[in-house]
Every structure is written in structure tokens, then in C-alpha cells.
Protein backbone atom coordinates (compact mmCIF):
# COMPACT_ATOMS: atom_id res chain seq x y z
CA UNK A 1 -1.74 5.48 46.31
CA UNK A 2 0.26 2.50 45.11
CA UNK A 3 -2.92 0.96 43.68
CA UNK A 4 -3.68 4.13 41.71
CA UNK A 5 -0.13 4.23 40.36
CA UNK A 6 -0.25 0.58 39.30
CA UNK A 7 -3.62 1.10 37.63
CA UNK A 8 -2.18 4.05 35.68
CA UNK A 9 0.79 1.98 34.54
CA UNK A 10 -1.47 -0.87 33.40
CA UNK A 11 -3.68 1.50 31.42
CA UNK A 12 -0.59 3.06 29.84
CA UNK A 13 0.73 -0.36 28.84
CA UNK A 14 -2.62 -1.31 27.33
CA UNK A 15 -2.89 1.92 25.36
CA UNK A 16 0.66 1.76 24.04
CA UNK A 17 0.73 0.14 20.58
CA UNK A 18 2.61 -3.11 20.17
CA UNK A 19 5.76 -3.36 18.08
CA UNK A 20 5.49 -4.29 15.37
CA UNK A 21 1.88 -3.09 15.23
CA UNK A 22 -0.78 -5.57 14.21
CA UNK A 23 -0.72 -9.33 14.09
CA UNK A 24 2.67 -11.05 13.80
CA UNK A 25 1.37 -13.23 10.94
CA UNK A 26 0.84 -10.18 8.71
CA UNK A 27 4.46 -9.19 9.21
CA UNK A 28 5.63 -12.61 8.07
CA UNK A 29 3.41 -12.21 5.02
CA UNK A 30 4.68 -8.65 4.43
CA UNK A 31 8.31 -9.74 4.60
CA UNK A 32 7.62 -12.55 2.11
CA UNK A 33 5.93 -10.09 -0.26
CA UNK A 34 8.78 -7.61 0.06
CA UNK A 35 11.24 -10.37 -0.80
CA UNK A 36 9.32 -11.13 -4.01
CA UNK A 37 9.26 -7.46 -4.98
CA UNK A 38 12.99 -7.15 -4.17
CA UNK A 39 13.73 -10.02 -6.58
CA UNK A 40 11.59 -8.32 -9.23
CA UNK A 41 13.41 -5.01 -8.71
CA UNK A 42 16.83 -6.67 -8.84
CA UNK A 43 15.93 -8.47 -12.08
CA UNK A 44 14.68 -5.17 -13.55
CA UNK A 45 17.91 -3.38 -12.61
CA UNK A 46 20.03 -6.20 -14.06
CA UNK A 47 18.09 -6.23 -17.34
CA UNK A 48 18.23 -2.45 -17.56
CA UNK A 49 22.00 -2.39 -17.12
CA UNK A 50 22.35 -4.47 -20.28
CA UNK A 51 19.73 -2.63 -22.37
CA UNK A 52 19.87 0.95 -21.10
CA UNK A 53 19.00 2.57 -24.43
CA UNK A 54 15.96 0.36 -24.98
CA UNK A 55 14.72 0.97 -21.44
CA UNK A 56 15.22 4.74 -21.71
CA UNK A 57 13.42 4.87 -25.06
CA UNK A 58 10.32 2.99 -23.96
CA UNK A 59 10.29 4.52 -20.51
CA UNK A 60 9.65 7.84 -22.26
CA UNK A 61 6.34 6.43 -23.56
CA UNK A 62 4.95 6.17 -20.02
CA UNK A 63 2.76 8.90 -18.58
CA UNK A 64 4.67 10.29 -15.61
CA UNK A 65 1.91 12.76 -14.77
CA UNK A 66 -0.67 10.04 -14.12
CA UNK A 67 1.94 8.02 -12.22
CA UNK A 68 2.71 11.05 -10.05
CA UNK A 69 -1.00 11.60 -9.45
CA UNK A 70 -1.31 7.95 -8.41
CA UNK A 71 1.62 8.43 -6.04
CA UNK A 72 -0.19 11.33 -4.39
CA UNK A 73 -3.37 9.22 -4.18
CA UNK A 74 -1.55 6.43 -2.33
CA UNK A 75 0.27 8.85 -0.02
CA UNK A 76 -3.06 10.46 0.80
CA UNK A 77 -4.59 7.06 1.45
CA UNK A 78 -1.78 6.22 3.86
CA UNK A 79 -2.47 9.44 5.76
CA UNK A 80 -6.14 8.48 5.99
CA UNK A 81 -5.16 5.04 7.32
CA UNK A 82 -2.93 6.63 9.97
CA UNK A 83 -5.86 8.80 11.07
CA UNK A 84 -8.02 5.68 11.21
CA UNK A 85 -5.53 3.93 13.49
CA UNK A 86 -5.40 6.97 15.78
CA UNK A 87 -9.20 7.03 15.94
CA UNK A 88 -9.27 3.31 16.80
CA UNK A 89 -6.73 3.82 19.60
CA UNK A 90 -8.96 6.56 20.96
CA UNK A 91 -12.01 4.30 20.85
CA UNK A 92 -13.77 6.28 18.12
CA UNK A 93 -14.92 3.47 15.83
CA UNK A 94 -17.20 5.62 13.69
CA UNK A 95 -14.38 8.03 12.85
CA UNK A 96 -12.02 5.12 12.27
CA UNK A 97 -14.43 3.61 9.74
CA UNK A 98 -14.79 6.94 7.90
CA UNK A 99 -11.03 7.38 7.58
CA UNK A 100 -10.61 3.82 6.33
CA UNK A 101 -13.39 4.15 3.77
CA UNK A 102 -11.68 7.33 2.56
CA UNK A 103 -8.45 5.35 2.17
CA UNK A 104 -10.33 2.67 0.21
CA UNK A 105 -11.71 5.39 -2.07
CA UNK A 106 -8.20 6.67 -2.77
CA UNK A 107 -7.12 3.13 -3.54
CA UNK A 108 -10.03 2.88 -5.96
CA UNK A 109 -8.90 6.11 -7.61
CA UNK A 110 -5.44 4.60 -8.04
CA UNK A 111 -6.93 1.53 -9.72
CA UNK A 112 -9.10 3.56 -12.09
CA UNK A 113 -6.16 5.70 -13.20
CA UNK A 114 -3.86 2.71 -13.59
CA UNK A 115 -6.51 0.74 -15.51
CA UNK A 116 -6.91 3.70 -17.87
CA UNK A 117 -3.16 3.73 -18.38
CA UNK A 118 -3.19 0.01 -19.17
CA UNK A 119 -6.05 0.53 -21.63
CA UNK A 120 -4.03 3.16 -23.50
CA UNK A 121 -1.03 0.84 -23.71
CA UNK A 122 -3.07 -2.15 -24.86
CA UNK A 123 -4.82 -0.01 -27.48
CA UNK A 124 -1.37 0.91 -28.81
CA UNK A 125 -0.51 -2.77 -29.12
CA UNK A 126 1.72 -3.01 -26.06
CA UNK A 127 1.95 -6.46 -24.46
CA UNK A 128 4.29 -8.56 -22.34
CA UNK A 129 6.00 -9.76 -25.49
CA UNK A 130 6.57 -6.29 -26.98
CA UNK A 131 10.05 -5.93 -25.49
CA UNK A 132 11.97 -6.43 -22.25
CA UNK A 133 11.01 -3.05 -20.81
CA UNK A 134 7.28 -3.51 -21.31
CA UNK A 135 7.52 -7.05 -19.98
CA UNK A 136 8.95 -5.73 -16.71
CA UNK A 137 6.70 -2.67 -16.64
CA UNK A 138 3.48 -4.64 -17.07
CA UNK A 139 4.55 -7.44 -14.74
CA UNK A 140 5.73 -5.17 -11.92
CA UNK A 141 2.88 -2.69 -12.05
CA UNK A 142 0.18 -5.35 -12.43
CA UNK A 143 1.63 -7.34 -9.53
CA UNK A 144 1.41 -4.17 -7.46
CA UNK A 145 -2.08 -3.47 -8.88
CA UNK A 146 -3.28 -6.79 -7.45
CA UNK A 147 -1.76 -5.94 -4.07
CA UNK A 148 -3.70 -2.66 -4.04
CA UNK A 149 -6.90 -4.64 -4.60
CA UNK A 150 -6.06 -7.01 -1.74
CA UNK A 151 -5.20 -4.06 0.50
CA UNK A 152 -8.54 -2.43 -0.29
CA UNK A 153 -10.38 -5.64 0.59
CA UNK A 154 -8.54 -5.81 3.92
CA UNK A 155 -9.23 -2.15 4.73
CA UNK A 156 -12.89 -2.55 3.76
CA UNK A 157 -13.25 -5.56 6.09
CA UNK A 158 -11.65 -3.58 8.92
CA UNK A 159 -13.85 -0.55 8.18
CA UNK A 160 -16.99 -2.71 8.30
CA UNK A 161 -15.97 -4.11 11.68
CA UNK A 162 -15.14 -0.63 12.97
CA UNK A 163 -18.55 0.55 11.77
CA UNK A 164 -20.07 -2.17 13.92
CA UNK A 165 -18.14 -0.90 16.93
CA UNK A 166 -15.85 -3.92 16.82
CA UNK A 167 -12.72 -2.30 18.22
CA UNK A 168 -11.70 -0.62 21.45
CA UNK A 169 -8.66 1.27 22.79
CA UNK A 170 -7.48 -2.02 24.31
CA UNK A 171 -8.27 -4.21 21.30
CA UNK A 172 -7.68 -2.73 17.86
CA UNK A 173 -5.07 -5.15 16.48
CA UNK A 174 -7.17 -5.68 13.36
CA UNK A 175 -6.93 -2.00 12.45
CA UNK A 176 -3.16 -1.97 12.89
CA UNK A 177 -2.85 -5.20 10.91
CA UNK A 178 -4.74 -3.76 7.95
CA UNK A 179 -2.80 -0.52 8.21
CA UNK A 180 0.54 -2.34 8.19
CA UNK A 181 -0.33 -4.17 4.99
CA UNK A 182 -1.57 -0.99 3.31
CA UNK A 183 1.60 0.90 4.20
CA UNK A 184 3.64 -1.94 2.65
CA UNK A 185 1.68 -1.58 -0.59
CA UNK A 186 2.32 2.16 -0.61
CA UNK A 187 6.01 1.75 0.20
CA UNK A 188 6.47 -0.64 -2.73
CA UNK A 189 4.90 1.92 -5.08
CA UNK A 190 7.27 4.60 -3.77
CA UNK A 191 10.13 2.39 -4.96
CA UNK A 192 8.42 1.24 -8.16
CA UNK A 193 7.44 4.75 -9.32
CA UNK A 194 10.94 6.25 -9.57
CA UNK A 195 12.48 2.96 -10.67
CA UNK A 196 10.16 2.42 -13.64
CA UNK A 197 8.95 5.92 -14.49
CA UNK A 198 11.76 8.31 -13.57
CA UNK A 199 15.27 6.86 -13.21
CA UNK A 200 17.41 6.84 -16.34
């Protein structure tokens, strides 16, 4: 009886996700990235406080509808990633891979929409040197744009491994590592979107 109880406890401990989830190295990287974004956001807020009228004027030239659609795309992608992690914990690698590829597709949708938005701005003559607002807007959003690309590469690598049955209920750290990074990318956008597109 005692042996059965101990075996149950061990299985429970193995199945329970670690905290923080994923590899510790990714969390060090995430914290470093968040620090960089925090400095960017603080600089934006400081510049805005001294040029509120300029920022409000040029902020009105941004397309909030496409930005909102991109927000929904990233939120949906995060849901797909969560489902992928759940599938990995349950040992269903095929389902995990499908959820992750769906998340990658939503990330791709985000990039296409954002690239189209950039194209419109560049066609109108907007550049980093146009004014302080556009300098921050282009710098912040493009920095995030590159993080989305990196996140997609990470998720794709994890999805490929899952498709090859590379994870198990006892060993799926890679899935949680990729998921942690992707959620960071989404969280940054949830701060960037209202800060740059909405707040006045």
C-alpha cells in the first residue's frame, strides 16, 4: 500500500509543471528583454510628456483598427500555445504540434498586417527622422516585430520536435520554454498597443 502511495506521489510530482515553466535560461533572457522594453517605454513616456500635442497629432495618423486586429491575432496565438502546452503535458505530441503551428500562423498574420502598415507609412514618406513620435513608433514596433519573428522560429522548432514525438508528459520543458517566450512577446504588445495607439 505504501509503495502504491509513493508511486502516485512521484507520478504527481513528475506531471506537475515546474515554476517558472521552461528552462531557467529563457527566463533570464526574458527578464533582460523586458528591461530593454521598459527603458524604451520610459523614454517614450518622457518624450511624450514634453511634446504631448505633437504625439497626439501624429498618433491620430495610425490605424487603430489594424492594431486592434493584430492584438486579437496575438491573443489568439497565445491561446493556441496554451493548448499546445496542455497537449504536451498529456503526451499528445501530434495535437501539440498542430496547436503550435496554428500559433505560428497567427504570428505570421500579425507580421503581414504590420508589414502592410509599415508600407503605407513609408509610402507617405514617414521615416525615423520625420519627428519624435514616428521615431519612437517605428523603433518600438519594429523591435517588437523582430521579437515576433524570433518567437515564431522558436515555436516552429518546438512544433517540429513535437511532430517527431520528441516530448513526453515527463519531459516537455522545450514546449514550456517556447511558450514562455511567446507569452512575453504577446505581453509586450499588450503594453505597446495602448501606449502607442490609444493613450492620449
